[in-house]
Amino acid sequence: MIFFAAALFLSCISSFFFLSGCKEEKEASELPGTVYENWPQVKFRDCRVLLATDEELACRGFAIASHKDFEKTVIIFPNISEGTTFVNRDQGFGAVKRDLKIVFLDSKLNVLKEDIMIKGDGFSVAPAGACFAIEGLPE
């Protein structure tokens, strides 16, 4: 359900962020529960969609998340390409603390690949045709 909502939302906003050159310039707070406060995002009743609109946000991803931050949250990566590698290893922000599901989509929002990335050292590589990725907790 959350992935469907995120995909639908992605179809509406992805071109806006990259055509307008929107970039978040404020540094995210490092206090638990507020690390995503300054990220571009949309909040729904039961979920939060974070938008990794630039390379810095994409590199941070869920690495900066507390256990509570993972709940009812997905991150959309709206500008990826074939070979983009997602890793749960420490990239300078800490290792990801929970297993993640990642879904790669093409420009028409067709699902190309789904993976489960194991906390701490999991990884996944975007397949040919990938334009977007969505990460969140697996079912």
Protein backbone atom coordinates (compact mmCIF):
# COMPACT_ATOMS: atom_id res chain seq x y z
CA MET A 1 0.00 0.00 0.00
CA ILE A 2 2.73 2.48 0.93
CA PHE A 3 4.74 1.56 -2.18
CA PHE A 4 1.67 2.11 -4.37
CA ALA A 5 1.04 5.52 -2.79
CA ALA A 6 4.70 6.42 -3.21
CA ALA A 7 4.71 5.36 -6.86
CA LEU A 8 1.58 7.38 -7.56
CA PHE A 9 3.02 10.40 -5.82
CA LEU A 10 6.30 9.93 -7.68
CA SER A 11 4.55 10.10 -11.02
CA CYS A 12 3.17 13.52 -10.09
CA ILE A 13 6.24 15.20 -8.61
CA SER A 14 9.38 13.65 -10.11
CA SER A 15 9.60 16.00 -13.07
CA PHE A 16 8.90 19.03 -10.87
CA PHE A 17 11.97 18.55 -8.69
CA PHE A 18 14.39 17.99 -11.52
CA LEU A 19 12.98 20.50 -13.97
CA SER A 20 12.88 23.22 -11.33
CA GLY A 21 16.34 22.44 -9.96
CA CYS A 22 14.91 22.24 -6.45
CA LYS A 23 17.60 21.47 -3.88
CA GLU A 24 17.25 21.35 -0.12
CA GLU A 25 19.97 23.55 1.37
CA LYS A 26 19.37 23.23 5.10
CA GLU A 27 21.30 20.60 7.03
CA ALA A 28 19.11 17.91 8.60
CA SER A 29 19.02 17.88 12.38
CA GLU A 30 20.87 14.97 13.94
CA LEU A 31 18.42 14.49 16.82
CA PRO A 32 16.54 11.17 16.75
CA GLY A 33 13.14 11.52 15.13
CA THR A 34 14.01 14.83 13.45
CA VAL A 35 16.77 13.84 11.02
CA TYR A 36 14.34 14.13 8.13
CA GLU A 37 12.66 17.34 9.23
CA ASN A 38 14.34 19.44 6.52
CA TRP A 39 14.06 16.90 3.71
CA PRO A 40 11.63 17.51 0.85
CA GLN A 41 8.67 15.33 1.85
CA VAL A 42 4.98 14.71 1.81
CA LYS A 43 3.10 13.45 4.83
CA PHE A 44 -0.03 11.36 4.59
CA ARG A 45 -2.17 10.05 7.43
CA ASP A 46 -0.32 6.77 7.79
CA CYS A 47 2.93 7.34 5.92
CA ARG A 48 5.67 9.78 5.08
CA VAL A 49 7.29 9.99 1.64
CA LEU A 50 10.82 11.42 1.68
CA LEU A 51 12.35 12.70 -1.56
CA ALA A 52 16.07 12.19 -2.07
CA THR A 53 16.27 15.03 -4.58
CA ASP A 54 20.04 15.44 -4.62
CA GLU A 55 23.16 13.33 -4.20
CA GLU A 56 23.73 14.26 -0.55
CA LEU A 57 20.23 13.20 0.49
CA ALA A 58 20.49 10.05 -1.62
CA CYS A 59 23.76 9.10 0.08
CA ARG A 60 22.26 9.60 3.53
CA GLY A 61 19.03 7.70 2.88
CA PHE A 62 18.07 5.49 5.79
CA ALA A 63 21.65 5.49 7.17
CA ILE A 64 20.75 8.39 9.46
CA ALA A 65 17.46 6.86 10.61
CA SER A 66 16.59 5.83 14.14
CA HIS A 67 14.50 2.65 14.47
CA LYS A 68 11.37 4.82 14.79
CA ASP A 69 12.23 6.78 11.61
CA PHE A 70 11.82 3.61 9.52
CA GLU A 71 8.19 3.13 10.50
CA LYS A 72 5.65 4.20 7.89
CA THR A 73 8.36 5.93 5.84
CA VAL A 74 9.52 5.41 2.27
CA ILE A 75 12.25 7.23 0.40
CA ILE A 76 11.93 7.95 -3.31
CA PHE A 77 15.09 8.33 -5.37
CA PRO A 78 13.77 10.13 -8.48
CA ASN A 79 16.88 10.30 -10.64
CA ILE A 80 18.76 7.03 -10.91
CA SER A 81 20.06 5.03 -13.85
CA GLU A 82 21.28 1.56 -14.71
CA GLY A 83 24.13 0.54 -12.43
CA THR A 84 23.29 2.89 -9.57
CA THR A 85 24.25 0.94 -6.45
CA PHE A 86 22.36 1.18 -3.17
CA VAL A 87 24.25 0.00 -0.09
CA ASN A 88 23.37 -0.43 3.58
CA ARG A 89 27.03 -0.21 4.60
CA ASP A 90 28.45 2.79 6.44
CA GLN A 91 29.15 5.49 3.84
CA GLY A 92 30.12 8.08 6.45
CA PHE A 93 26.66 8.43 8.03
CA GLY A 94 26.48 5.03 9.76
CA ALA A 95 25.21 1.67 8.56
CA VAL A 96 21.50 1.14 7.94
CA LYS A 97 20.00 -0.43 11.09
CA ARG A 98 17.16 -2.45 9.52
CA ASP A 99 16.56 -4.61 6.45
CA LEU A 100 15.12 -2.62 3.54
CA LYS A 101 13.05 -3.44 0.51
CA ILE A 102 14.02 -1.60 -2.66
CA VAL A 103 11.91 -1.42 -5.81
CA PHE A 104 13.32 -0.15 -9.12
CA LEU A 105 10.93 1.45 -11.63
CA ASP A 106 11.24 2.57 -15.23
CA SER A 107 10.01 5.88 -16.65
CA LYS A 108 6.47 4.48 -16.99
CA LEU A 109 6.52 3.27 -13.33
CA ASN A 110 6.75 -0.41 -14.29
CA VAL A 111 8.46 -2.47 -11.60
CA LEU A 112 11.75 -3.76 -12.98
CA LYS A 113 13.29 -5.35 -9.89
CA GLU A 114 12.68 -5.83 -6.18
CA ASP A 115 15.32 -6.72 -3.58
CA ILE A 116 15.67 -7.06 0.15
CA MET A 117 18.85 -5.41 1.38
CA ILE A 118 20.10 -6.84 4.67
CA LYS A 119 20.86 -4.31 7.41
CA GLY A 120 24.50 -3.36 7.79
CA ASP A 121 25.89 -4.73 4.53
CA GLY A 122 23.13 -5.36 1.98
CA PHE A 123 23.24 -3.87 -1.50
CA SER A 124 21.29 -3.77 -4.75
CA VAL A 125 22.15 -2.54 -8.24
CA ALA A 126 19.67 -0.76 -10.51
CA PRO A 127 18.82 -2.75 -13.66
CA ALA A 128 18.72 -1.47 -17.24
CA GLY A 129 15.90 1.02 -17.73
CA ALA A 130 15.70 2.08 -14.08
CA CYS A 131 14.75 5.73 -13.52
CA PHE A 132 13.37 5.67 -9.97
CA ALA A 133 13.82 3.65 -6.79
CA ILE A 134 11.70 3.39 -3.67
CA GLU A 135 13.02 2.11 -0.33
CA GLY A 136 11.11 1.12 2.77
CA LEU A 137 10.66 -1.64 5.32
CA PRO A 138 9.85 -5.05 3.84
CA GLU A 139 6.49 -6.63 4.68
